[in-house]
Amino acid sequence: MKPPTATQLRIIEAADPGTGRLSGSDAQLAGLVRARLAFRHPRPPHAYFLTPAGHRLRGAAQAPAAEPSPAEPVAAPGVFAARTGTESAPSGSEGVARAREVRSAWEGLVELRRMTNTDGARDRPCAWERTHLVQAAALALEAAGLPPARPGGAGYEVTDTPQPEAVAVREPSPEGLRACAAALERAGWQTGEHTAPRGGGRYLLASPKRT
C-alpha cells in the first residue's frame, strides 16, 4: 500500500482529537477510505472518521509535539472537544449547534468501539477511550445531556487522577452526582462514590469497564 500523500497527512493531523472526525473534499476523504485510514459513518450526515490505523498514523505524526495539560484539554479553533467543566471560558458553538456536534461525536465514538473492540461491542469503551480518559468521560456526560460546570455556574467537572484508568467526576449536588454516575454506567463505565479528604465533598471515581 502506498504511503499517504502530504495532503492526506495534513487532513489526518487536523482530525478532531476527541473523535477522529475528518474534514476535506469528498475525493480526499474517499482516498483515505481506500487507504484504510478512514471510514464513512453509515448514518447521516455520513461524516468521515479515522480508523485505528489512521489514529496510529496521526499519533506518530504528532509525537514530538508537547502534550496539553490533562486537567484542561485544549482544542484548536473550530475543532470539537468534549467539555470537561474545567474550562475557564468554553469556546465554540452553543445550543442546538452544540447538541448536534456532541451527538455526532458520540455516534463516531460508538462506531469506533464497534470497529476496534474485538467482539464489536458498542456498549463497552474501546482502547482510544482508555488513553483519553478525561475527554471520553466528558463526552459520555455531555452526550447524556448533563451540563458541564461554567464560571459561576454548577455542573460536572472531570479531572485526571493518579490512579491508572480512572478519572474523578465532581458535581455540587447529590442528585447531580447520581445523574453523572448513571450516565457513565450507561456508557460502559464503572463508578464508585468517595469522600475527598479534609472536607472536600463527595466525588465519583470512574473507570471504563473491560467486560
N, C-alpha and C. Protein backbone atom coordinates (compact mmCIF):
# COMPACT_ATOMS: atom_id res chain seq x y z
N MET A 1 0.84 -1.19 0.00
CA MET A 1 0.00 0.00 0.00
C MET A 1 0.88 1.24 0.00
N LYS A 2 0.52 2.24 -0.86
CA LYS A 2 1.32 3.45 -0.96
C LYS A 2 1.23 4.27 0.33
N PRO A 3 2.33 4.95 0.68
CA PRO A 3 2.26 5.83 1.86
C PRO A 3 1.32 6.99 1.59
N PRO A 4 0.74 7.57 2.62
CA PRO A 4 -0.17 8.69 2.42
C PRO A 4 0.55 9.90 1.83
N THR A 5 -0.17 10.67 1.04
CA THR A 5 0.39 11.88 0.47
C THR A 5 0.49 12.98 1.53
N ALA A 6 1.18 14.05 1.16
CA ALA A 6 1.31 15.18 2.09
C ALA A 6 -0.07 15.76 2.42
N THR A 7 -0.94 15.83 1.42
CA THR A 7 -2.30 16.35 1.66
C THR A 7 -3.06 15.44 2.61
N GLN A 8 -2.96 14.14 2.40
CA GLN A 8 -3.64 13.20 3.29
C GLN A 8 -3.12 13.31 4.71
N LEU A 9 -1.81 13.48 4.86
CA LEU A 9 -1.24 13.62 6.20
C LEU A 9 -1.76 14.87 6.89
N ARG A 10 -1.90 15.96 6.12
CA ARG A 10 -2.42 17.20 6.71
C ARG A 10 -3.86 17.00 7.19
N ILE A 11 -4.65 16.28 6.41
CA ILE A 11 -6.04 16.03 6.81
C ILE A 11 -6.08 15.15 8.07
N ILE A 12 -5.22 14.14 8.11
CA ILE A 12 -5.18 13.25 9.28
C ILE A 12 -4.74 14.01 10.52
N GLU A 13 -3.72 14.84 10.38
CA GLU A 13 -3.22 15.60 11.54
C GLU A 13 -4.24 16.61 12.03
N ALA A 14 -5.13 17.07 11.14
CA ALA A 14 -6.15 18.05 11.52
C ALA A 14 -7.42 17.38 12.04
N ALA A 15 -7.44 16.05 12.15
CA ALA A 15 -8.64 15.35 12.62
C ALA A 15 -8.99 15.77 14.04
N ASP A 16 -10.28 15.70 14.35
CA ASP A 16 -10.74 16.03 15.69
C ASP A 16 -10.02 15.14 16.70
N PRO A 17 -9.36 15.73 17.71
CA PRO A 17 -8.61 14.90 18.67
C PRO A 17 -9.51 14.05 19.54
N GLY A 18 -10.77 14.43 19.67
CA GLY A 18 -11.66 13.65 20.51
C GLY A 18 -12.31 12.47 19.82
N THR A 19 -12.69 12.66 18.54
CA THR A 19 -13.45 11.61 17.85
C THR A 19 -12.77 11.09 16.60
N GLY A 20 -11.76 11.80 16.09
CA GLY A 20 -11.14 11.39 14.84
C GLY A 20 -11.91 11.83 13.62
N ARG A 21 -12.88 12.74 13.79
CA ARG A 21 -13.66 13.20 12.63
C ARG A 21 -12.77 14.01 11.69
N LEU A 22 -13.00 13.79 10.39
CA LEU A 22 -12.15 14.40 9.37
C LEU A 22 -12.90 15.46 8.57
N SER A 23 -12.14 16.41 8.05
CA SER A 23 -12.68 17.42 7.15
C SER A 23 -11.84 17.44 5.89
N GLY A 24 -12.50 17.57 4.76
CA GLY A 24 -11.81 17.61 3.48
C GLY A 24 -12.80 17.44 2.35
N SER A 25 -12.31 17.45 1.13
CA SER A 25 -13.20 17.26 -0.02
C SER A 25 -13.62 15.79 -0.10
N ASP A 26 -14.70 15.53 -0.83
CA ASP A 26 -15.17 14.15 -0.98
C ASP A 26 -14.09 13.26 -1.57
N ALA A 27 -13.35 13.79 -2.56
CA ALA A 27 -12.30 12.99 -3.21
C ALA A 27 -11.17 12.69 -2.23
N GLN A 28 -10.79 13.68 -1.43
CA GLN A 28 -9.71 13.47 -0.45
C GLN A 28 -10.12 12.43 0.59
N LEU A 29 -11.34 12.54 1.09
CA LEU A 29 -11.79 11.62 2.13
C LEU A 29 -11.98 10.22 1.57
N ALA A 30 -12.47 10.12 0.35
CA ALA A 30 -12.62 8.81 -0.28
C ALA A 30 -11.26 8.14 -0.46
N GLY A 31 -10.23 8.96 -0.77
CA GLY A 31 -8.89 8.40 -0.88
C GLY A 31 -8.40 7.82 0.44
N LEU A 32 -8.73 8.48 1.55
CA LEU A 32 -8.34 7.96 2.87
C LEU A 32 -9.09 6.67 3.18
N VAL A 33 -10.34 6.58 2.73
CA VAL A 33 -11.09 5.33 2.93
C VAL A 33 -10.42 4.19 2.15
N ARG A 34 -10.04 4.47 0.91
CA ARG A 34 -9.37 3.43 0.11
C ARG A 34 -8.06 3.00 0.74
N ALA A 35 -7.39 3.94 1.42
CA ALA A 35 -6.13 3.61 2.08
C ALA A 35 -6.34 2.99 3.46
N ARG A 36 -7.61 2.80 3.82
CA ARG A 36 -7.98 2.19 5.11
C ARG A 36 -7.54 3.03 6.30
N LEU A 37 -7.46 4.32 6.07
CA LEU A 37 -7.11 5.24 7.15
C LEU A 37 -8.34 5.99 7.67
N ALA A 38 -9.48 5.80 7.02
CA ALA A 38 -10.71 6.47 7.42
C ALA A 38 -11.89 5.57 7.06
N PHE A 39 -13.03 5.85 7.68
CA PHE A 39 -14.27 5.17 7.32
C PHE A 39 -15.40 6.20 7.29
N ARG A 40 -16.43 5.91 6.52
CA ARG A 40 -17.59 6.80 6.40
C ARG A 40 -18.70 6.28 7.31
N HIS A 41 -19.18 7.16 8.19
CA HIS A 41 -20.22 6.75 9.13
C HIS A 41 -21.49 6.39 8.35
N PRO A 42 -22.13 5.26 8.70
CA PRO A 42 -23.30 4.81 7.92
C PRO A 42 -24.53 5.68 8.11
N ARG A 43 -24.58 6.50 9.17
CA ARG A 43 -25.77 7.31 9.41
C ARG A 43 -25.52 8.76 8.99
N PRO A 44 -26.61 9.45 8.56
CA PRO A 44 -26.47 10.87 8.21
C PRO A 44 -25.86 11.64 9.38
N PRO A 45 -25.01 12.61 9.17
CA PRO A 45 -24.64 13.19 7.86
C PRO A 45 -23.51 12.46 7.15
N HIS A 46 -23.28 11.18 7.47
CA HIS A 46 -22.25 10.37 6.80
C HIS A 46 -20.87 11.00 6.88
N ALA A 47 -20.51 11.42 8.09
CA ALA A 47 -19.19 12.02 8.30
C ALA A 47 -18.10 10.96 8.19
N TYR A 48 -16.87 11.43 8.01
CA TYR A 48 -15.72 10.53 7.90
C TYR A 48 -14.92 10.59 9.21
N PHE A 49 -14.40 9.42 9.65
CA PHE A 49 -13.63 9.33 10.88
C PHE A 49 -12.39 8.48 10.64
N LEU A 50 -11.37 8.72 11.45
CA LEU A 50 -10.15 7.92 11.36
C LEU A 50 -10.41 6.48 11.78
N THR A 51 -9.80 5.54 11.11
CA THR A 51 -9.76 4.16 11.56
C THR A 51 -8.64 4.02 12.60
N PRO A 52 -8.51 2.87 13.27
CA PRO A 52 -7.38 2.69 14.19
C PRO A 52 -6.03 2.94 13.52
N ALA A 53 -5.90 2.53 12.26
CA ALA A 53 -4.63 2.78 11.55
C ALA A 53 -4.42 4.28 11.35
N GLY A 54 -5.51 5.00 11.07
CA GLY A 54 -5.40 6.45 10.94
C GLY A 54 -5.03 7.12 12.24
N HIS A 55 -5.62 6.63 13.35
CA HIS A 55 -5.26 7.18 14.66
C HIS A 55 -3.79 6.95 14.97
N ARG A 56 -3.29 5.75 14.63
CA ARG A 56 -1.88 5.46 14.90
C ARG A 56 -0.98 6.38 14.08
N LEU A 57 -1.35 6.60 12.82
CA LEU A 57 -0.56 7.48 11.97
C LEU A 57 -0.59 8.90 12.50
N ARG A 58 -1.74 9.36 12.94
CA ARG A 58 -1.85 10.71 13.49
C ARG A 58 -1.00 10.85 14.75
N GLY A 59 -1.06 9.82 15.63
CA GLY A 59 -0.28 9.86 16.85
C GLY A 59 1.21 9.89 16.57
N ALA A 60 1.65 9.11 15.58
CA ALA A 60 3.07 9.10 15.23
C ALA A 60 3.51 10.44 14.68
N ALA A 61 2.64 11.08 13.89
CA ALA A 61 2.98 12.36 13.29
C ALA A 61 3.08 13.46 14.32
N GLN A 62 2.31 13.34 15.41
CA GLN A 62 2.26 14.40 16.41
C GLN A 62 3.07 14.07 17.66
N ALA A 63 3.78 12.94 17.66
CA ALA A 63 4.51 12.51 18.84
C ALA A 63 5.48 13.55 19.38
N PRO A 64 6.22 14.29 18.55
CA PRO A 64 7.17 15.26 19.11
C PRO A 64 6.51 16.48 19.74
N ALA A 65 5.22 16.70 19.46
CA ALA A 65 4.56 17.90 19.97
C ALA A 65 4.33 17.79 21.46
N ALA A 66 4.33 18.93 22.14
CA ALA A 66 4.07 18.95 23.58
C ALA A 66 2.63 18.57 23.85
N GLU A 67 2.41 17.79 24.91
CA GLU A 67 1.07 17.37 25.28
C GLU A 67 0.38 18.47 26.07
N PRO A 68 -0.95 18.70 25.84
CA PRO A 68 -1.66 19.67 26.66
C PRO A 68 -1.87 19.16 28.06
N SER A 69 -2.16 20.06 28.98
CA SER A 69 -2.42 19.68 30.36
C SER A 69 -3.62 18.76 30.44
N PRO A 70 -3.53 17.62 31.15
CA PRO A 70 -4.67 16.71 31.22
C PRO A 70 -5.84 17.30 31.98
N ALA A 71 -5.60 18.30 32.82
CA ALA A 71 -6.69 18.87 33.61
C ALA A 71 -7.61 19.72 32.74
N GLU A 72 -7.09 20.30 31.64
CA GLU A 72 -7.90 21.15 30.78
C GLU A 72 -7.49 20.94 29.34
N PRO A 73 -8.04 19.88 28.68
CA PRO A 73 -7.66 19.61 27.30
C PRO A 73 -7.90 20.82 26.42
N VAL A 74 -6.96 21.07 25.51
CA VAL A 74 -7.03 22.24 24.65
C VAL A 74 -7.29 21.78 23.23
N ALA A 75 -8.24 22.40 22.57
CA ALA A 75 -8.54 22.06 21.18
C ALA A 75 -8.21 23.24 20.30
N ALA A 76 -7.83 22.94 19.07
CA ALA A 76 -7.58 24.00 18.12
C ALA A 76 -8.88 24.69 17.77
N PRO A 77 -8.82 25.96 17.32
CA PRO A 77 -10.04 26.67 16.96
C PRO A 77 -10.85 25.89 15.93
N GLY A 78 -12.16 25.76 16.16
CA GLY A 78 -13.03 25.07 15.23
C GLY A 78 -13.03 23.56 15.37
N VAL A 79 -12.26 23.00 16.29
CA VAL A 79 -12.19 21.56 16.47
C VAL A 79 -13.02 21.16 17.69
N PHE A 80 -13.83 20.12 17.53
CA PHE A 80 -14.70 19.70 18.63
C PHE A 80 -13.88 19.11 19.77
N ALA A 81 -14.24 19.46 20.98
CA ALA A 81 -13.69 18.82 22.18
C ALA A 81 -14.79 18.77 23.21
N ALA A 82 -14.96 17.61 23.84
CA ALA A 82 -15.96 17.48 24.90
C ALA A 82 -15.61 18.43 26.03
N ARG A 83 -16.61 19.00 26.65
CA ARG A 83 -16.38 19.96 27.73
C ARG A 83 -16.24 19.24 29.06
N THR A 84 -15.12 19.46 29.72
CA THR A 84 -14.81 18.78 30.98
C THR A 84 -15.34 19.52 32.19
N GLY A 85 -15.77 20.77 32.02
CA GLY A 85 -16.21 21.57 33.15
C GLY A 85 -15.07 22.31 33.82
N THR A 86 -13.84 22.12 33.34
CA THR A 86 -12.68 22.80 33.92
C THR A 86 -12.23 23.99 33.07
N GLU A 87 -12.91 24.22 31.95
CA GLU A 87 -12.52 25.30 31.05
C GLU A 87 -12.76 26.66 31.72
N SER A 88 -11.83 27.56 31.54
CA SER A 88 -12.00 28.90 32.10
C SER A 88 -13.08 29.67 31.35
N ALA A 89 -13.23 29.41 30.06
CA ALA A 89 -14.26 30.05 29.25
C ALA A 89 -14.53 29.16 28.05
N PRO A 90 -15.58 28.32 28.09
CA PRO A 90 -15.87 27.42 26.97
C PRO A 90 -15.99 28.17 25.65
N SER A 91 -15.38 27.64 24.62
CA SER A 91 -15.44 28.25 23.30
C SER A 91 -16.25 27.35 22.37
N GLY A 92 -16.53 27.86 21.21
CA GLY A 92 -17.24 27.06 20.22
C GLY A 92 -18.73 27.32 20.23
N SER A 93 -19.47 26.43 19.59
CA SER A 93 -20.90 26.62 19.40
C SER A 93 -21.67 26.38 20.68
N GLU A 94 -22.93 26.79 20.66
CA GLU A 94 -23.82 26.62 21.80
C GLU A 94 -25.18 26.15 21.31
N GLY A 95 -26.04 25.80 22.26
CA GLY A 95 -27.42 25.48 21.93
C GLY A 95 -27.58 24.30 21.01
N VAL A 96 -28.45 24.46 20.01
CA VAL A 96 -28.77 23.36 19.09
C VAL A 96 -27.53 22.91 18.33
N ALA A 97 -26.69 23.86 17.91
CA ALA A 97 -25.49 23.51 17.15
C ALA A 97 -24.55 22.67 17.99
N ARG A 98 -24.38 23.04 19.24
CA ARG A 98 -23.52 22.26 20.13
C ARG A 98 -24.09 20.86 20.34
N ALA A 99 -25.39 20.77 20.57
CA ALA A 99 -26.02 19.46 20.77
C ALA A 99 -25.82 18.57 19.55
N ARG A 100 -25.90 19.15 18.35
CA ARG A 100 -25.69 18.37 17.13
C ARG A 100 -24.24 17.88 17.05
N GLU A 101 -23.28 18.73 17.41
CA GLU A 101 -21.87 18.32 17.40
C GLU A 101 -21.60 17.21 18.40
N VAL A 102 -22.18 17.34 19.59
CA VAL A 102 -21.98 16.32 20.63
C VAL A 102 -22.58 14.99 20.18
N ARG A 103 -23.78 15.04 19.60
CA ARG A 103 -24.42 13.80 19.13
C ARG A 103 -23.58 13.13 18.06
N SER A 104 -23.06 13.93 17.12
CA SER A 104 -22.23 13.37 16.06
C SER A 104 -20.95 12.77 16.63
N ALA A 105 -20.34 13.46 17.61
CA ALA A 105 -19.11 12.95 18.22
C ALA A 105 -19.37 11.64 18.94
N TRP A 106 -20.50 11.57 19.65
CA TRP A 106 -20.81 10.33 20.37
C TRP A 106 -21.07 9.19 19.40
N GLU A 107 -21.79 9.46 18.32
CA GLU A 107 -22.03 8.40 17.32
C GLU A 107 -20.72 7.92 16.71
N GLY A 108 -19.80 8.86 16.48
CA GLY A 108 -18.50 8.46 15.96
C GLY A 108 -17.72 7.60 16.93
N LEU A 109 -17.83 7.91 18.22
CA LEU A 109 -17.13 7.12 19.22
C LEU A 109 -17.74 5.72 19.34
N VAL A 110 -19.06 5.63 19.26
CA VAL A 110 -19.71 4.31 19.30
C VAL A 110 -19.28 3.48 18.10
N GLU A 111 -19.16 4.12 16.94
CA GLU A 111 -18.70 3.40 15.75
C GLU A 111 -17.25 2.96 15.92
N LEU A 112 -16.43 3.80 16.56
CA LEU A 112 -15.04 3.41 16.82
C LEU A 112 -15.00 2.21 17.75
N ARG A 113 -15.88 2.16 18.72
CA ARG A 113 -15.97 0.98 19.58
C ARG A 113 -16.26 -0.27 18.76
N ARG A 114 -17.24 -0.15 17.86
CA ARG A 114 -17.63 -1.32 17.06
C ARG A 114 -16.45 -1.81 16.22
N MET A 115 -15.68 -0.86 15.69
CA MET A 115 -14.59 -1.24 14.80
C MET A 115 -13.37 -1.76 15.55
N THR A 116 -13.13 -1.32 16.78
CA THR A 116 -11.88 -1.64 17.45
C THR A 116 -12.02 -2.64 18.59
N ASN A 117 -13.19 -2.79 19.19
CA ASN A 117 -13.37 -3.85 20.18
C ASN A 117 -13.38 -5.19 19.46
N THR A 118 -12.70 -6.15 19.97
CA THR A 118 -12.54 -7.42 19.25
C THR A 118 -13.86 -8.12 18.99
N ASP A 119 -14.85 -7.91 19.87
CA ASP A 119 -16.15 -8.53 19.67
C ASP A 119 -17.16 -7.57 19.04
N GLY A 120 -16.69 -6.40 18.63
CA GLY A 120 -17.58 -5.43 18.00
C GLY A 120 -18.56 -4.77 18.95
N ALA A 121 -18.30 -4.85 20.26
CA ALA A 121 -19.25 -4.30 21.24
C ALA A 121 -19.31 -2.78 21.17
N ARG A 122 -20.52 -2.26 21.15
CA ARG A 122 -20.73 -0.81 21.15
C ARG A 122 -20.94 -0.26 22.56
N ASP A 123 -21.25 -1.13 23.50
CA ASP A 123 -21.60 -0.68 24.86
C ASP A 123 -20.42 -0.76 25.82
N ARG A 124 -19.23 -0.98 25.30
CA ARG A 124 -18.05 -1.07 26.14
C ARG A 124 -16.96 -0.16 25.60
N PRO A 125 -16.31 0.63 26.46
CA PRO A 125 -15.26 1.54 26.00
C PRO A 125 -14.16 0.82 25.22
N CYS A 126 -13.57 1.54 24.29
CA CYS A 126 -12.52 0.97 23.44
C CYS A 126 -11.15 1.49 23.89
N ALA A 127 -10.12 1.07 23.18
CA ALA A 127 -8.76 1.42 23.57
C ALA A 127 -8.53 2.93 23.53
N TRP A 128 -9.12 3.61 22.54
CA TRP A 128 -8.94 5.05 22.47
C TRP A 128 -9.42 5.73 23.75
N GLU A 129 -10.55 5.28 24.27
CA GLU A 129 -11.09 5.89 25.49
C GLU A 129 -10.17 5.67 26.68
N ARG A 130 -9.47 4.55 26.70
CA ARG A 130 -8.57 4.26 27.82
C ARG A 130 -7.31 5.12 27.79
N THR A 131 -7.02 5.68 26.64
CA THR A 131 -5.86 6.58 26.55
C THR A 131 -6.26 8.05 26.51
N HIS A 132 -7.57 8.31 26.53
CA HIS A 132 -8.10 9.68 26.56
C HIS A 132 -9.23 9.72 27.58
N LEU A 133 -8.91 9.36 28.82
CA LEU A 133 -9.94 9.14 29.84
C LEU A 133 -10.80 10.38 30.10
N VAL A 134 -10.16 11.52 30.29
CA VAL A 134 -10.91 12.73 30.65
C VAL A 134 -11.86 13.11 29.52
N GLN A 135 -11.36 13.14 28.28
CA GLN A 135 -12.21 13.50 27.15
C GLN A 135 -13.32 12.48 26.94
N ALA A 136 -13.01 11.19 27.10
CA ALA A 136 -14.01 10.15 26.88
C ALA A 136 -15.13 10.25 27.92
N ALA A 137 -14.77 10.42 29.18
CA ALA A 137 -15.79 10.54 30.23
C ALA A 137 -16.62 11.80 30.04
N ALA A 138 -15.95 12.91 29.69
CA ALA A 138 -16.67 14.15 29.48
C ALA A 138 -17.64 14.04 28.30
N LEU A 139 -17.24 13.35 27.24
CA LEU A 139 -18.13 13.18 26.10
C LEU A 139 -19.35 12.35 26.49
N ALA A 140 -19.14 11.29 27.29
CA ALA A 140 -20.27 10.46 27.74
C ALA A 140 -21.26 11.30 28.55
N LEU A 141 -20.75 12.17 29.41
CA LEU A 141 -21.62 13.01 30.23
C LEU A 141 -22.35 14.05 29.39
N GLU A 142 -21.60 14.71 28.50
CA GLU A 142 -22.23 15.75 27.68
C GLU A 142 -23.24 15.13 26.72
N ALA A 143 -22.94 13.94 26.18
CA ALA A 143 -23.86 13.28 25.28
C ALA A 143 -25.14 12.85 25.99
N ALA A 144 -25.06 12.64 27.31
CA ALA A 144 -26.24 12.28 28.10
C ALA A 144 -27.08 13.50 28.46
N GLY A 145 -26.64 14.68 28.03
CA GLY A 145 -27.40 15.89 28.28
C GLY A 145 -27.10 16.58 29.59
N LEU A 146 -26.03 16.17 30.26
CA LEU A 146 -25.68 16.79 31.54
C LEU A 146 -24.83 18.04 31.30
N PRO A 147 -25.03 19.08 32.10
CA PRO A 147 -24.31 20.33 31.86
C PRO A 147 -22.93 20.35 32.50
N PRO A 148 -21.90 20.76 31.76
CA PRO A 148 -20.59 20.94 32.39
C PRO A 148 -20.58 22.21 33.22
N ALA A 149 -19.70 22.25 34.21
CA ALA A 149 -19.57 23.46 35.04
C ALA A 149 -19.06 24.62 34.19
N ARG A 150 -19.51 25.80 34.53
CA ARG A 150 -19.05 27.03 33.90
C ARG A 150 -18.69 28.02 34.98
N PRO A 151 -17.90 29.04 34.66
CA PRO A 151 -17.59 30.05 35.67
C PRO A 151 -18.86 30.63 36.27
N GLY A 152 -19.02 30.45 37.57
CA GLY A 152 -20.21 30.95 38.26
C GLY A 152 -21.42 30.07 38.14
N GLY A 153 -21.30 28.89 37.51
CA GLY A 153 -22.45 28.00 37.33
C GLY A 153 -22.12 26.58 37.73
N ALA A 154 -23.14 25.87 38.22
CA ALA A 154 -22.95 24.48 38.64
C ALA A 154 -22.93 23.54 37.45
N GLY A 155 -22.36 22.37 37.65
CA GLY A 155 -22.29 21.35 36.61
C GLY A 155 -21.18 20.38 36.94
N TYR A 156 -20.98 19.40 36.06
CA TYR A 156 -19.95 18.39 36.32
C TYR A 156 -18.57 18.92 35.98
N GLU A 157 -17.57 18.35 36.64
CA GLU A 157 -16.16 18.57 36.33
C GLU A 157 -15.48 17.22 36.24
N VAL A 158 -14.72 16.99 35.19
CA VAL A 158 -13.96 15.74 35.02
C VAL A 158 -12.48 16.08 35.04
N THR A 159 -11.75 15.41 35.91
CA THR A 159 -10.30 15.66 36.02
C THR A 159 -9.56 14.34 36.08
N ASP A 160 -8.30 14.40 35.75
CA ASP A 160 -7.43 13.22 35.80
C ASP A 160 -7.14 12.87 37.26
N THR A 161 -6.67 11.65 37.50
CA THR A 161 -6.28 11.20 38.83
C THR A 161 -4.95 10.46 38.72
N PRO A 162 -4.25 10.28 39.84
CA PRO A 162 -3.02 9.48 39.79
C PRO A 162 -3.27 8.00 39.55
N GLN A 163 -4.50 7.55 39.73
CA GLN A 163 -4.81 6.14 39.56
C GLN A 163 -4.88 5.78 38.08
N PRO A 164 -4.39 4.61 37.71
CA PRO A 164 -4.46 4.21 36.30
C PRO A 164 -5.90 3.97 35.87
N GLU A 165 -6.22 4.42 34.67
CA GLU A 165 -7.54 4.23 34.06
C GLU A 165 -8.67 4.71 34.97
N ALA A 166 -8.52 5.87 35.57
CA ALA A 166 -9.58 6.42 36.42
C ALA A 166 -9.59 7.94 36.32
N VAL A 167 -10.79 8.49 36.31
CA VAL A 167 -10.97 9.94 36.37
C VAL A 167 -11.83 10.26 37.57
N ALA A 168 -11.75 11.50 38.02
CA ALA A 168 -12.61 11.98 39.10
C ALA A 168 -13.70 12.86 38.48
N VAL A 169 -14.92 12.64 38.92
CA VAL A 169 -16.06 13.43 38.46
C VAL A 169 -16.70 14.09 39.67
N ARG A 170 -16.80 15.41 39.62
CA ARG A 170 -17.40 16.16 40.72
C ARG A 170 -18.64 16.90 40.23
N GLU A 171 -19.63 16.99 41.11
CA GLU A 171 -20.86 17.71 40.83
C GLU A 171 -21.36 18.20 42.18
N PRO A 172 -21.72 19.48 42.31
CA PRO A 172 -22.01 20.01 43.65
C PRO A 172 -23.22 19.43 44.36
N SER A 173 -24.19 18.92 43.62
CA SER A 173 -25.39 18.39 44.27
C SER A 173 -25.37 16.86 44.28
N PRO A 174 -25.92 16.24 45.33
CA PRO A 174 -26.00 14.78 45.36
C PRO A 174 -26.79 14.23 44.17
N GLU A 175 -27.86 14.92 43.79
CA GLU A 175 -28.66 14.46 42.65
C GLU A 175 -27.85 14.52 41.36
N GLY A 176 -27.09 15.59 41.21
CA GLY A 176 -26.26 15.72 40.02
C GLY A 176 -25.17 14.66 39.96
N LEU A 177 -24.60 14.33 41.11
CA LEU A 177 -23.56 13.31 41.15
C LEU A 177 -24.14 11.95 40.78
N ARG A 178 -25.35 11.68 41.28
CA ARG A 178 -26.00 10.40 40.93
C ARG A 178 -26.33 10.36 39.44
N ALA A 179 -26.73 11.49 38.87
CA ALA A 179 -27.03 11.53 37.44
C ALA A 179 -25.76 11.27 36.62
N CYS A 180 -24.64 11.80 37.08
CA CYS A 180 -23.36 11.54 36.39
C CYS A 180 -23.01 10.06 36.45
N ALA A 181 -23.19 9.46 37.62
CA ALA A 181 -22.89 8.03 37.77
C ALA A 181 -23.76 7.20 36.83
N ALA A 182 -25.05 7.53 36.76
CA ALA A 182 -25.95 6.76 35.90
C ALA A 182 -25.58 6.92 34.43
N ALA A 183 -25.23 8.14 34.02
CA ALA A 183 -24.86 8.37 32.62
C ALA A 183 -23.59 7.61 32.25
N LEU A 184 -22.59 7.63 33.12
CA LEU A 184 -21.35 6.93 32.84
C LEU A 184 -21.56 5.42 32.80
N GLU A 185 -22.38 4.91 33.70
CA GLU A 185 -22.63 3.46 33.71
C GLU A 185 -23.36 3.03 32.44
N ARG A 186 -24.29 3.86 31.97
CA ARG A 186 -24.96 3.54 30.69
C ARG A 186 -23.97 3.54 29.54
N ALA A 187 -22.93 4.36 29.66
CA ALA A 187 -21.93 4.46 28.60
C ALA A 187 -20.82 3.41 28.72
N GLY A 188 -20.94 2.51 29.68
CA GLY A 188 -19.96 1.43 29.80
C GLY A 188 -18.85 1.68 30.79
N TRP A 189 -19.06 2.60 31.72
CA TRP A 189 -18.08 2.88 32.75
C TRP A 189 -18.55 2.30 34.08
N GLN A 190 -17.60 2.05 34.97
CA GLN A 190 -17.95 1.67 36.34
C GLN A 190 -17.58 2.83 37.25
N THR A 191 -18.42 3.08 38.25
CA THR A 191 -18.22 4.25 39.11
C THR A 191 -18.33 3.85 40.58
N GLY A 192 -17.67 4.60 41.40
CA GLY A 192 -17.77 4.45 42.85
C GLY A 192 -17.74 5.83 43.48
N GLU A 193 -18.58 6.04 44.51
CA GLU A 193 -18.64 7.35 45.15
C GLU A 193 -17.70 7.38 46.35
N HIS A 194 -16.96 8.45 46.47
CA HIS A 194 -15.96 8.59 47.53
C HIS A 194 -16.07 9.97 48.17
N THR A 195 -15.47 10.10 49.34
CA THR A 195 -15.41 11.38 50.04
C THR A 195 -13.98 11.89 49.98
N ALA A 196 -13.82 13.11 49.52
CA ALA A 196 -12.49 13.70 49.44
C ALA A 196 -11.97 14.00 50.85
N PRO A 197 -10.66 13.91 51.06
CA PRO A 197 -10.10 14.19 52.39
C PRO A 197 -10.28 15.65 52.79
N ARG A 198 -10.30 15.89 54.06
CA ARG A 198 -10.38 17.23 54.63
C ARG A 198 -11.59 18.01 54.15
N GLY A 199 -12.73 17.33 54.19
CA GLY A 199 -13.99 18.00 53.88
C GLY A 199 -14.13 18.45 52.45
N GLY A 200 -13.53 17.71 51.54
CA GLY A 200 -13.56 18.11 50.14
C GLY A 200 -14.83 17.73 49.40
N GLY A 201 -15.78 17.09 50.07
CA GLY A 201 -17.04 16.73 49.43
C GLY A 201 -16.98 15.38 48.75
N ARG A 202 -18.12 14.98 48.19
CA ARG A 202 -18.24 13.69 47.52
C ARG A 202 -17.85 13.82 46.04
N TYR A 203 -17.31 12.75 45.49
CA TYR A 203 -16.97 12.71 44.08
C TYR A 203 -17.04 11.28 43.59
N LEU A 204 -17.06 11.12 42.27
CA LEU A 204 -17.04 9.79 41.66
C LEU A 204 -15.65 9.45 41.16
N LEU A 205 -15.27 8.21 41.34
CA LEU A 205 -14.08 7.67 40.68
C LEU A 205 -14.62 6.76 39.58
N ALA A 206 -14.32 7.07 38.34
CA ALA A 206 -14.90 6.35 37.20
C ALA A 206 -13.82 5.73 36.33
N SER A 207 -14.06 4.49 35.90
CA SER A 207 -13.13 3.76 35.04
C SER A 207 -13.90 3.05 33.94
N PRO A 208 -13.35 2.95 32.74
CA PRO A 208 -14.03 2.21 31.68
C PRO A 208 -14.03 0.70 31.97
N LYS A 209 -15.18 0.08 31.78
CA LYS A 209 -15.29 -1.35 32.01
C LYS A 209 -14.51 -2.12 30.95
N ARG A 210 -14.01 -3.27 31.34
CA ARG A 210 -13.30 -4.13 30.39
C ARG A 210 -14.17 -5.28 29.90
N THR A 211 -15.14 -5.70 30.68
CA THR A 211 -16.02 -6.81 30.24
C THR A 211 -17.45 -6.43 30.51
